[in-house]
Amino acid sequence: MYRPAVCMQEAVAEEQRMAARYVNDIDIAKSQRDYELKKAAYDQEVRTKTAQSDLAYALQVSSYGFTFSNRSLRV
């Protein structure tokens, strides 16, 4: 027995299912993009702070060396 109303309802239900799936896929992609952008910004901030720390350490070491050299010259 052929029931056109049932086939139509199945088609509509399948269309709604696929539309919901696409909406969910879009939300997942947006969330992934936001995560990757935030992670990149965080990684950049970490690299910047590490570079500043390394430079501050090098400056401190060189200033201690310079102070030590000046004290040696005075003796």
PDB file of N, CA and C in Angstrom:
ATOM      1  N   MET A   1       0.843  -1.180   0.000  1.00  0.00           N
ATOM      2  CA  MET A   1       0.000   0.000   0.000  1.00  0.00           C
ATOM      3  C   MET A   1       0.890   1.246   0.000  1.00  0.00           C
ATOM      4  N   TYR A   2       0.640   2.121  -0.903  1.00  0.00           N
ATOM      5  CA  TYR A   2       1.411   3.356  -1.043  1.00  0.00           C
ATOM      6  C   TYR A   2       0.704   4.468  -0.273  1.00  0.00           C
ATOM      7  N   ARG A   3       1.492   5.132   0.617  1.00  0.00           N
ATOM      8  CA  ARG A   3       0.910   6.198   1.443  1.00  0.00           C
ATOM      9  C   ARG A   3       1.726   7.467   1.242  1.00  0.00           C
ATOM     10  N   PRO A   4       1.277   8.332   0.373  1.00  0.00           N
ATOM     11  CA  PRO A   4       2.038   9.542   0.065  1.00  0.00           C
ATOM     12  C   PRO A   4       2.208  10.470   1.272  1.00  0.00           C
ATOM     13  N   ALA A   5       1.265  10.501   2.161  1.00  0.00           N
ATOM     14  CA  ALA A   5       1.381  11.386   3.325  1.00  0.00           C
ATOM     15  C   ALA A   5       2.533  10.945   4.219  1.00  0.00           C
ATOM     16  N   VAL A   6       2.723   9.642   4.348  1.00  0.00           N
ATOM     17  CA  VAL A   6       3.813   9.116   5.180  1.00  0.00           C
ATOM     18  C   VAL A   6       5.160   9.448   4.554  1.00  0.00           C
ATOM     19  N   CYS A   7       5.254   9.283   3.263  1.00  0.00           N
ATOM     20  CA  CYS A   7       6.508   9.609   2.569  1.00  0.00           C
ATOM     21  C   CYS A   7       6.838  11.091   2.704  1.00  0.00           C
ATOM     22  N   MET A   8       5.825  11.906   2.624  1.00  0.00           N
ATOM     23  CA  MET A   8       6.027  13.346   2.752  1.00  0.00           C
ATOM     24  C   MET A   8       6.492  13.691   4.164  1.00  0.00           C
ATOM     25  N   GLN A   9       5.887  13.082   5.168  1.00  0.00           N
ATOM     26  CA  GLN A   9       6.293  13.329   6.553  1.00  0.00           C
ATOM     27  C   GLN A   9       7.723  12.866   6.788  1.00  0.00           C
ATOM     28  N   GLU A  10       8.090  11.741   6.218  1.00  0.00           N
ATOM     29  CA  GLU A  10       9.460  11.247   6.355  1.00  0.00           C
ATOM     30  C   GLU A  10      10.448  12.208   5.699  1.00  0.00           C
ATOM     31  N   ALA A  11      10.090  12.731   4.560  1.00  0.00           N
ATOM     32  CA  ALA A  11      10.961  13.677   3.859  1.00  0.00           C
ATOM     33  C   ALA A  11      11.128  14.964   4.666  1.00  0.00           C
ATOM     34  N   VAL A  12      10.030  15.442   5.221  1.00  0.00           N
ATOM     35  CA  VAL A  12      10.087  16.664   6.043  1.00  0.00           C
ATOM     36  C   VAL A  12      10.932  16.414   7.290  1.00  0.00           C
ATOM     37  N   ALA A  13      10.738  15.248   7.915  1.00  0.00           N
ATOM     38  CA  ALA A  13      11.514  14.921   9.111  1.00  0.00           C
ATOM     39  C   ALA A  13      13.004  14.815   8.784  1.00  0.00           C
ATOM     40  N   GLU A  14      13.329  14.221   7.653  1.00  0.00           N
ATOM     41  CA  GLU A  14      14.733  14.100   7.233  1.00  0.00           C
ATOM     42  C   GLU A  14      15.322  15.477   6.950  1.00  0.00           C
ATOM     43  N   GLU A  15      14.554  16.340   6.321  1.00  0.00           N
ATOM     44  CA  GLU A  15      15.017  17.702   6.048  1.00  0.00           C
ATOM     45  C   GLU A  15      15.287  18.459   7.352  1.00  0.00           C
ATOM     46  N   GLN A  16      14.413  18.321   8.324  1.00  0.00           N
ATOM     47  CA  GLN A  16      14.600  18.977   9.625  1.00  0.00           C
ATOM     48  C   GLN A  16      15.822  18.414  10.350  1.00  0.00           C
ATOM     49  N   ARG A  17      16.001  17.112  10.247  1.00  0.00           N
ATOM     50  CA  ARG A  17      17.161  16.487  10.892  1.00  0.00           C
ATOM     51  C   ARG A  17      18.459  17.020  10.291  1.00  0.00           C
ATOM     52  N   MET A  18      18.505  17.094   8.973  1.00  0.00           N
ATOM     53  CA  MET A  18      19.712  17.590   8.305  1.00  0.00           C
ATOM     54  C   MET A  18      19.944  19.074   8.611  1.00  0.00           C
ATOM     55  N   ALA A  19      18.868  19.860   8.666  1.00  0.00           N
ATOM     56  CA  ALA A  19      19.016  21.285   8.994  1.00  0.00           C
ATOM     57  C   ALA A  19      19.568  21.441  10.404  1.00  0.00           C
ATOM     58  N   ALA A  20      19.065  20.646  11.347  1.00  0.00           N
ATOM     59  CA  ALA A  20      19.565  20.712  12.723  1.00  0.00           C
ATOM     60  C   ALA A  20      21.026  20.278  12.777  1.00  0.00           C
ATOM     61  N   ARG A  21      21.360  19.270  11.998  1.00  0.00           N
ATOM     62  CA  ARG A  21      22.750  18.802  11.976  1.00  0.00           C
ATOM     63  C   ARG A  21      23.674  19.894  11.450  1.00  0.00           C
ATOM     64  N   TYR A  22      23.274  20.588  10.388  1.00  0.00           N
ATOM     65  CA  TYR A  22      24.099  21.663   9.832  1.00  0.00           C
ATOM     66  C   TYR A  22      24.258  22.814  10.815  1.00  0.00           C
ATOM     67  N   VAL A  23      23.190  23.144  11.522  1.00  0.00           N
ATOM     68  CA  VAL A  23      23.273  24.205  12.537  1.00  0.00           C
ATOM     69  C   VAL A  23      24.264  23.793  13.626  1.00  0.00           C
ATOM     70  N   ASN A  24      24.178  22.541  14.066  1.00  0.00           N
ATOM     71  CA  ASN A  24      25.113  22.059  15.092  1.00  0.00           C
ATOM     72  C   ASN A  24      26.542  22.045  14.583  1.00  0.00           C
ATOM     73  N   ASP A  25      26.742  21.631  13.340  1.00  0.00           N
ATOM     74  CA  ASP A  25      28.083  21.632  12.761  1.00  0.00           C
ATOM     75  C   ASP A  25      28.654  23.043  12.682  1.00  0.00           C
ATOM     76  N   ILE A  26      27.805  24.003  12.351  1.00  0.00           N
ATOM     77  CA  ILE A  26      28.247  25.402  12.288  1.00  0.00           C
ATOM     78  C   ILE A  26      28.638  25.894  13.680  1.00  0.00           C
ATOM     79  N   ASP A  27      27.836  25.576  14.683  1.00  0.00           N
ATOM     80  CA  ASP A  27      28.156  25.976  16.060  1.00  0.00           C
ATOM     81  C   ASP A  27      29.472  25.348  16.523  1.00  0.00           C
ATOM     82  N   ILE A  28      29.685  24.097  16.179  1.00  0.00           N
ATOM     83  CA  ILE A  28      30.928  23.423  16.549  1.00  0.00           C
ATOM     84  C   ILE A  28      32.109  24.092  15.861  1.00  0.00           C
ATOM     85  N   ALA A  29      31.967  24.414  14.590  1.00  0.00           N
ATOM     86  CA  ALA A  29      33.049  25.071  13.849  1.00  0.00           C
ATOM     87  C   ALA A  29      33.354  26.451  14.430  1.00  0.00           C
ATOM     88  N   LYS A  30      32.320  27.197  14.807  1.00  0.00           N
ATOM     89  CA  LYS A  30      32.545  28.516  15.422  1.00  0.00           C
ATOM     90  C   LYS A  30      33.259  28.376  16.758  1.00  0.00           C
ATOM     91  N   SER A  31      32.854  27.405  17.546  1.00  0.00           N
ATOM     92  CA  SER A  31      33.502  27.186  18.839  1.00  0.00           C
ATOM     93  C   SER A  31      34.958  26.787  18.656  1.00  0.00           C
ATOM     94  N   GLN A  32      35.221  25.934  17.689  1.00  0.00           N
ATOM     95  CA  GLN A  32      36.597  25.514  17.402  1.00  0.00           C
ATOM     96  C   GLN A  32      37.443  26.711  16.964  1.00  0.00           C
ATOM     97  N   ARG A  33      36.861  27.564  16.105  1.00  0.00           N
ATOM     98  CA  ARG A  33      37.572  28.755  15.650  1.00  0.00           C
ATOM     99  C   ARG A  33      37.876  29.695  16.821  1.00  0.00           C
ATOM    100  N   ASP A  34      36.878  29.924  17.679  1.00  0.00           N
ATOM    101  CA  ASP A  34      37.083  30.787  18.838  1.00  0.00           C
ATOM    102  C   ASP A  34      38.166  30.230  19.752  1.00  0.00           C
ATOM    103  N   TYR A  35      38.141  28.911  19.970  1.00  0.00           N
ATOM    104  CA  TYR A  35      39.156  28.273  20.813  1.00  0.00           C
ATOM    105  C   TYR A  35      40.545  28.470  20.215  1.00  0.00           C
ATOM    106  N   GLU A  36      40.667  28.236  18.917  1.00  0.00           N
ATOM    107  CA  GLU A  36      41.981  28.352  18.285  1.00  0.00           C
ATOM    108  C   GLU A  36      42.480  29.798  18.305  1.00  0.00           C
ATOM    109  N   LEU A  37      41.583  30.761  18.131  1.00  0.00           N
ATOM    110  CA  LEU A  37      41.995  32.167  18.210  1.00  0.00           C
ATOM    111  C   LEU A  37      42.465  32.526  19.619  1.00  0.00           C
ATOM    112  N   LYS A  38      41.718  32.092  20.624  1.00  0.00           N
ATOM    113  CA  LYS A  38      42.104  32.379  22.005  1.00  0.00           C
ATOM    114  C   LYS A  38      43.406  31.679  22.359  1.00  0.00           C
ATOM    115  N   LYS A  39      43.582  30.458  21.888  1.00  0.00           N
ATOM    116  CA  LYS A  39      44.813  29.717  22.162  1.00  0.00           C
ATOM    117  C   LYS A  39      46.004  30.406  21.502  1.00  0.00           C
ATOM    118  N   ALA A  40      45.831  30.872  20.270  1.00  0.00           N
ATOM    119  CA  ALA A  40      46.904  31.578  19.573  1.00  0.00           C
ATOM    120  C   ALA A  40      47.276  32.859  20.312  1.00  0.00           C
ATOM    121  N   ALA A  41      46.282  33.595  20.789  1.00  0.00           N
ATOM    122  CA  ALA A  41      46.559  34.821  21.540  1.00  0.00           C
ATOM    123  C   ALA A  41      47.279  34.498  22.845  1.00  0.00           C
ATOM    124  N   TYR A  42      46.845  33.451  23.513  1.00  0.00           N
ATOM    125  CA  TYR A  42      47.496  33.039  24.758  1.00  0.00           C
ATOM    126  C   TYR A  42      48.936  32.602  24.493  1.00  0.00           C
ATOM    127  N   ASP A  43      49.145  31.802  23.451  1.00  0.00           N
ATOM    128  CA  ASP A  43      50.497  31.356  23.115  1.00  0.00           C
ATOM    129  C   ASP A  43      51.397  32.534  22.787  1.00  0.00           C
ATOM    130  N   GLN A  44      50.855  33.518  22.084  1.00  0.00           N
ATOM    131  CA  GLN A  44      51.639  34.707  21.751  1.00  0.00           C
ATOM    132  C   GLN A  44      51.999  35.471  23.024  1.00  0.00           C
ATOM    133  N   GLU A  45      51.057  35.585  23.939  1.00  0.00           N
ATOM    134  CA  GLU A  45      51.325  36.276  25.201  1.00  0.00           C
ATOM    135  C   GLU A  45      52.393  35.536  26.005  1.00  0.00           C
ATOM    136  N   VAL A  46      52.333  34.225  26.011  1.00  0.00           N
ATOM    137  CA  VAL A  46      53.343  33.427  26.725  1.00  0.00           C
ATOM    138  C   VAL A  46      54.714  33.639  26.098  1.00  0.00           C
ATOM    139  N   ARG A  47      54.781  33.608  24.769  1.00  0.00           N
ATOM    140  CA  ARG A  47      56.076  33.824  24.105  1.00  0.00           C
ATOM    141  C   ARG A  47      56.612  35.221  24.384  1.00  0.00           C
ATOM    142  N   THR A  48      55.725  36.221  24.400  1.00  0.00           N
ATOM    143  CA  THR A  48      56.152  37.595  24.694  1.00  0.00           C
ATOM    144  C   THR A  48      56.707  37.697  26.106  1.00  0.00           C
ATOM    145  N   LYS A  49      55.998  37.136  27.074  1.00  0.00           N
ATOM    146  CA  LYS A  49      56.457  37.196  28.462  1.00  0.00           C
ATOM    147  C   LYS A  49      57.753  36.421  28.640  1.00  0.00           C
ATOM    148  N   THR A  50      57.893  35.293  27.953  1.00  0.00           N
ATOM    149  CA  THR A  50      59.132  34.516  28.033  1.00  0.00           C
ATOM    150  C   THR A  50      60.296  35.316  27.461  1.00  0.00           C
ATOM    151  N   ALA A  51      60.070  35.971  26.327  1.00  0.00           N
ATOM    152  CA  ALA A  51      61.127  36.785  25.720  1.00  0.00           C
ATOM    153  C   ALA A  51      61.499  37.950  26.636  1.00  0.00           C
ATOM    154  N   GLN A  52      60.517  38.595  27.245  1.00  0.00           N
ATOM    155  CA  GLN A  52      60.804  39.688  28.175  1.00  0.00           C
ATOM    156  C   GLN A  52      61.604  39.178  29.366  1.00  0.00           C
ATOM    157  N   SER A  53      61.223  38.026  29.871  1.00  0.00           N
ATOM    158  CA  SER A  53      61.928  37.444  31.008  1.00  0.00           C
ATOM    159  C   SER A  53      63.367  37.105  30.637  1.00  0.00           C
ATOM    160  N   ASP A  54      63.553  36.516  29.454  1.00  0.00           N
ATOM    161  CA  ASP A  54      64.904  36.173  29.005  1.00  0.00           C
ATOM    162  C   ASP A  54      65.769  37.428  28.847  1.00  0.00           C
ATOM    163  N   LEU A  55      65.180  38.470  28.284  1.00  0.00           N
ATOM    164  CA  LEU A  55      65.930  39.713  28.116  1.00  0.00           C
ATOM    165  C   LEU A  55      66.250  40.362  29.463  1.00  0.00           C
ATOM    166  N   ALA A  56      65.294  40.328  30.379  1.00  0.00           N
ATOM    167  CA  ALA A  56      65.540  40.890  31.702  1.00  0.00           C
ATOM    168  C   ALA A  56      66.649  40.113  32.415  1.00  0.00           C
ATOM    169  N   TYR A  57      66.637  38.803  32.261  1.00  0.00           N
ATOM    170  CA  TYR A  57      67.680  37.987  32.883  1.00  0.00           C
ATOM    171  C   TYR A  57      69.050  38.314  32.272  1.00  0.00           C
ATOM    172  N   ALA A  58      69.097  38.407  30.949  1.00  0.00           N
ATOM    173  CA  ALA A  58      70.361  38.732  30.289  1.00  0.00           C
ATOM    174  C   ALA A  58      70.859  40.107  30.714  1.00  0.00           C
ATOM    175  N   LEU A  59      69.962  41.055  30.832  1.00  0.00           N
ATOM    176  CA  LEU A  59      70.335  42.399  31.268  1.00  0.00           C
ATOM    177  C   LEU A  59      70.854  42.371  32.702  1.00  0.00           C
ATOM    178  N   GLN A  60      70.180  41.620  33.557  1.00  0.00           N
ATOM    179  CA  GLN A  60      70.601  41.516  34.951  1.00  0.00           C
ATOM    180  C   GLN A  60      71.978  40.868  35.053  1.00  0.00           C
ATOM    181  N   VAL A  61      72.188  39.807  34.306  1.00  0.00           N
ATOM    182  CA  VAL A  61      73.486  39.121  34.322  1.00  0.00           C
ATOM    183  C   VAL A  61      74.581  40.054  33.817  1.00  0.00           C
ATOM    184  N   SER A  62      74.299  40.772  32.739  1.00  0.00           N
ATOM    185  CA  SER A  62      75.324  41.675  32.206  1.00  0.00           C
ATOM    186  C   SER A  62      75.583  42.835  33.158  1.00  0.00           C
ATOM    187  N   SER A  63      74.570  43.320  33.858  1.00  0.00           N
ATOM    188  CA  SER A  63      74.798  44.420  34.789  1.00  0.00           C
ATOM    189  C   SER A  63      75.578  43.934  36.006  1.00  0.00           C
ATOM    190  N   TYR A  64      75.329  42.705  36.449  1.00  0.00           N
ATOM    191  CA  TYR A  64      76.136  42.152  37.542  1.00  0.00           C
ATOM    192  C   TYR A  64      77.580  41.987  37.105  1.00  0.00           C
ATOM    193  N   GLY A  65      77.784  41.540  35.890  1.00  0.00           N
ATOM    194  CA  GLY A  65      79.134  41.390  35.368  1.00  0.00           C
ATOM    195  C   GLY A  65      79.830  42.733  35.275  1.00  0.00           C
ATOM    196  N   PHE A  66      79.106  43.756  34.836  1.00  0.00           N
ATOM    197  CA  PHE A  66      79.674  45.086  34.715  1.00  0.00           C
ATOM    198  C   PHE A  66      80.020  45.633  36.104  1.00  0.00           C
ATOM    199  N   THR A  67      79.135  45.437  37.079  1.00  0.00           N
ATOM    200  CA  THR A  67      79.387  45.886  38.439  1.00  0.00           C
ATOM    201  C   THR A  67      80.589  45.165  39.016  1.00  0.00           C
ATOM    202  N   PHE A  68      80.649  43.882  38.777  1.00  0.00           N
ATOM    203  CA  PHE A  68      81.772  43.097  39.281  1.00  0.00           C
ATOM    204  C   PHE A  68      83.078  43.574  38.646  1.00  0.00           C
ATOM    205  N   SER A  69      83.053  43.859  37.337  1.00  0.00           N
ATOM    206  CA  SER A  69      84.246  44.353  36.653  1.00  0.00           C
ATOM    207  C   SER A  69      84.666  45.704  37.215  1.00  0.00           C
ATOM    208  N   ASN A  70      83.724  46.601  37.479  1.00  0.00           N
ATOM    209  CA  ASN A  70      84.050  47.907  38.042  1.00  0.00           C
ATOM    210  C   ASN A  70      84.664  47.756  39.422  1.00  0.00           C
ATOM    211  N   ARG A  71      84.163  46.856  40.230  1.00  0.00           N
ATOM    212  CA  ARG A  71      84.713  46.653  41.550  1.00  0.00           C
ATOM    213  C   ARG A  71      86.121  46.063  41.474  1.00  0.00           C
ATOM    214  N   SER A  72      86.353  45.222  40.502  1.00  0.00           N
ATOM    215  CA  SER A  72      87.674  44.637  40.335  1.00  0.00           C
ATOM    216  C   SER A  72      88.680  45.702  39.934  1.00  0.00           C
ATOM    217  N   LEU A  73      88.254  46.652  39.105  1.00  0.00           N
ATOM    218  CA  LEU A  73      89.133  47.709  38.661  1.00  0.00           C
ATOM    219  C   LEU A  73      89.478  48.668  39.804  1.00  0.00           C
ATOM    220  N   ARG A  74      88.591  48.831  40.733  1.00  0.00           N
ATOM    221  CA  ARG A  74      88.829  49.750  41.849  1.00  0.00           C
ATOM    222  C   ARG A  74      89.836  49.194  42.833  1.00  0.00           C
ATOM    223  N   VAL A  75      89.919  47.920  42.928  1.00  0.00           N
ATOM    224  CA  VAL A  75      90.807  47.315  43.929  1.00  0.00           C
ATOM    225  C   VAL A  75      92.225  47.479  43.579  1.00  0.00           C
TER     226      VAL A  75
END
